[in-house]
Amino acid sequence: METRQGLSVFLVDMGKVTILLMLVSTVVMLVAFGKGMSILRGGEVGSHLYWAGASLVTVLGANMMAMFHAAQSDRIIRELRDRVSEQGGEDD
């Protein structure tokens, strides 16, 4: 039973990490957008490319973490449904 509680804590932490990564990637993307808009007013192209690359990496990382988290959640939901159906069958 200890492993289940450890897994539960891990998944809660993983959800927080997913949300944090999505927030960070959004901020980096907005900075990249601002740098891109500054090019129209004579800003530096290299800075925009740097931030655009960082935005791409953080968004991809956040999306991978979100997919991993969703897969873990689906597995846990399947396990819970199996347990509920087993317990429901015992009560009848």
C-alpha atoms as a PDB file:
ATOM      1  CA  MET A   1       0.000   0.000   0.000  1.00  0.00           C
ATOM      2  CA  GLU A   2       2.976   2.261   0.585  1.00  0.00           C
ATOM      3  CA  THR A   3       3.811   2.227  -3.121  1.00  0.00           C
ATOM      4  CA  ARG A   4       0.289   3.406  -3.984  1.00  0.00           C
ATOM      5  CA  GLN A   5       0.605   6.386  -1.669  1.00  0.00           C
ATOM      6  CA  GLY A   6       4.061   7.137  -3.076  1.00  0.00           C
ATOM      7  CA  LEU A   7       2.658   6.907  -6.597  1.00  0.00           C
ATOM      8  CA  SER A   8      -0.189   9.225  -5.652  1.00  0.00           C
ATOM      9  CA  VAL A   9       2.228  11.819  -4.264  1.00  0.00           C
ATOM     10  CA  PHE A  10       4.385  11.437  -7.377  1.00  0.00           C
ATOM     11  CA  LEU A  11       1.418  12.070  -9.676  1.00  0.00           C
ATOM     12  CA  VAL A  12       0.322  15.140  -7.705  1.00  0.00           C
ATOM     13  CA  ASP A  13       3.850  16.514  -7.987  1.00  0.00           C
ATOM     14  CA  MET A  14       3.911  15.594 -11.655  1.00  0.00           C
ATOM     15  CA  GLY A  15       0.716  17.578 -12.232  1.00  0.00           C
ATOM     16  CA  LYS A  16       2.307  20.602 -10.619  1.00  0.00           C
ATOM     17  CA  VAL A  17       5.408  20.172 -12.797  1.00  0.00           C
ATOM     18  CA  THR A  18       3.226  19.969 -15.908  1.00  0.00           C
ATOM     19  CA  ILE A  19       1.404  23.162 -14.990  1.00  0.00           C
ATOM     20  CA  LEU A  20       4.671  24.915 -14.158  1.00  0.00           C
ATOM     21  CA  LEU A  21       6.211  23.881 -17.488  1.00  0.00           C
ATOM     22  CA  MET A  22       3.170  25.138 -19.378  1.00  0.00           C
ATOM     23  CA  LEU A  23       3.370  28.487 -17.578  1.00  0.00           C
ATOM     24  CA  VAL A  24       7.102  28.814 -18.247  1.00  0.00           C
ATOM     25  CA  SER A  25       6.651  27.928 -21.907  1.00  0.00           C
ATOM     26  CA  THR A  26       3.870  30.498 -22.225  1.00  0.00           C
ATOM     27  CA  VAL A  27       6.059  33.220 -20.716  1.00  0.00           C
ATOM     28  CA  VAL A  28       8.977  32.320 -22.982  1.00  0.00           C
ATOM     29  CA  MET A  29       6.665  32.283 -25.993  1.00  0.00           C
ATOM     30  CA  LEU A  30       5.341  35.740 -25.107  1.00  0.00           C
ATOM     31  CA  VAL A  31       8.905  37.061 -24.777  1.00  0.00           C
ATOM     32  CA  ALA A  32       9.726  35.569 -28.185  1.00  0.00           C
ATOM     33  CA  PHE A  33       6.638  37.233 -29.628  1.00  0.00           C
ATOM     34  CA  GLY A  34       7.682  40.575 -28.126  1.00  0.00           C
ATOM     35  CA  LYS A  35      11.191  40.182 -29.545  1.00  0.00           C
ATOM     36  CA  GLY A  36       9.678  39.378 -32.933  1.00  0.00           C
ATOM     37  CA  MET A  37       7.509  42.472 -32.810  1.00  0.00           C
ATOM     38  CA  SER A  38      10.560  44.563 -31.903  1.00  0.00           C
ATOM     39  CA  ILE A  39      12.180  43.463 -35.178  1.00  0.00           C
ATOM     40  CA  LEU A  40       9.535  45.495 -36.962  1.00  0.00           C
ATOM     41  CA  ARG A  41      10.893  48.552 -35.160  1.00  0.00           C
ATOM     42  CA  GLY A  42      14.530  47.741 -35.908  1.00  0.00           C
ATOM     43  CA  GLY A  43      15.228  45.260 -33.107  1.00  0.00           C
ATOM     44  CA  GLU A  44      17.883  42.571 -33.120  1.00  0.00           C
ATOM     45  CA  VAL A  45      17.072  39.444 -35.125  1.00  0.00           C
ATOM     46  CA  GLY A  46      19.492  37.181 -33.220  1.00  0.00           C
ATOM     47  CA  SER A  47      17.764  37.858 -29.918  1.00  0.00           C
ATOM     48  CA  HIS A  48      14.408  36.935 -31.424  1.00  0.00           C
ATOM     49  CA  LEU A  49      15.810  33.685 -32.842  1.00  0.00           C
ATOM     50  CA  TYR A  50      17.313  32.804 -29.455  1.00  0.00           C
ATOM     51  CA  TRP A  51      13.997  33.311 -27.669  1.00  0.00           C
ATOM     52  CA  ALA A  52      12.042  31.568 -30.438  1.00  0.00           C
ATOM     53  CA  GLY A  53      14.307  28.520 -30.093  1.00  0.00           C
ATOM     54  CA  ALA A  54      13.879  28.573 -26.315  1.00  0.00           C
ATOM     55  CA  SER A  55      10.128  28.833 -26.790  1.00  0.00           C
ATOM     56  CA  LEU A  56      10.106  25.822 -29.080  1.00  0.00           C
ATOM     57  CA  VAL A  57      12.118  23.713 -26.635  1.00  0.00           C
ATOM     58  CA  THR A  58      10.025  24.660 -23.584  1.00  0.00           C
ATOM     59  CA  VAL A  59       6.718  24.094 -25.385  1.00  0.00           C
ATOM     60  CA  LEU A  60       7.867  20.695 -26.623  1.00  0.00           C
ATOM     61  CA  GLY A  61       9.090  19.770 -23.144  1.00  0.00           C
ATOM     62  CA  ALA A  62       5.848  20.853 -21.528  1.00  0.00           C
ATOM     63  CA  ASN A  63       3.795  18.953 -24.097  1.00  0.00           C
ATOM     64  CA  MET A  64       5.834  15.781 -23.571  1.00  0.00           C
ATOM     65  CA  MET A  65       5.346  16.052 -19.819  1.00  0.00           C
ATOM     66  CA  ALA A  66       1.610  16.631 -20.315  1.00  0.00           C
ATOM     67  CA  MET A  67       1.343  13.539 -22.542  1.00  0.00           C
ATOM     68  CA  PHE A  68       3.229  11.449 -19.984  1.00  0.00           C
ATOM     69  CA  HIS A  69       0.979  12.757 -17.222  1.00  0.00           C
ATOM     70  CA  ALA A  70      -2.149  11.987 -19.255  1.00  0.00           C
ATOM     71  CA  ALA A  71      -0.951   8.435 -19.915  1.00  0.00           C
ATOM     72  CA  GLN A  72      -0.332   7.914 -16.188  1.00  0.00           C
ATOM     73  CA  SER A  73      -3.770   9.309 -15.379  1.00  0.00           C
ATOM     74  CA  ASP A  74      -5.457   7.006 -17.906  1.00  0.00           C
ATOM     75  CA  ARG A  75      -3.745   3.993 -16.373  1.00  0.00           C
ATOM     76  CA  ILE A  76      -4.838   4.999 -12.868  1.00  0.00           C
ATOM     77  CA  ILE A  77      -8.427   5.572 -14.034  1.00  0.00           C
ATOM     78  CA  ARG A  78      -8.485   2.074 -15.587  1.00  0.00           C
ATOM     79  CA  GLU A  79      -7.200   0.562 -12.342  1.00  0.00           C
ATOM     80  CA  LEU A  80      -9.818   2.428 -10.298  1.00  0.00           C
ATOM     81  CA  ARG A  81     -12.632   1.330 -12.625  1.00  0.00           C
ATOM     82  CA  ASP A  82     -11.476  -2.291 -12.316  1.00  0.00           C
ATOM     83  CA  ARG A  83     -11.431  -2.050  -8.516  1.00  0.00           C
ATOM     84  CA  VAL A  84     -14.869  -0.408  -8.387  1.00  0.00           C
ATOM     85  CA  SER A  85     -16.351  -3.069 -10.670  1.00  0.00           C
ATOM     86  CA  GLU A  86     -14.754  -5.813  -8.527  1.00  0.00           C
ATOM     87  CA  GLN A  87     -16.188  -4.306  -5.333  1.00  0.00           C
ATOM     88  CA  GLY A  88     -19.563  -3.758  -6.959  1.00  0.00           C
ATOM     89  CA  GLY A  89     -19.659  -7.423  -7.979  1.00  0.00           C
ATOM     90  CA  GLU A  90     -18.909  -8.565  -4.413  1.00  0.00           C
ATOM     91  CA  ASP A  91     -21.762  -6.547  -2.938  1.00  0.00           C
ATOM     92  CA  ASP A  92     -24.420  -8.189  -5.132  1.00  0.00           C
END
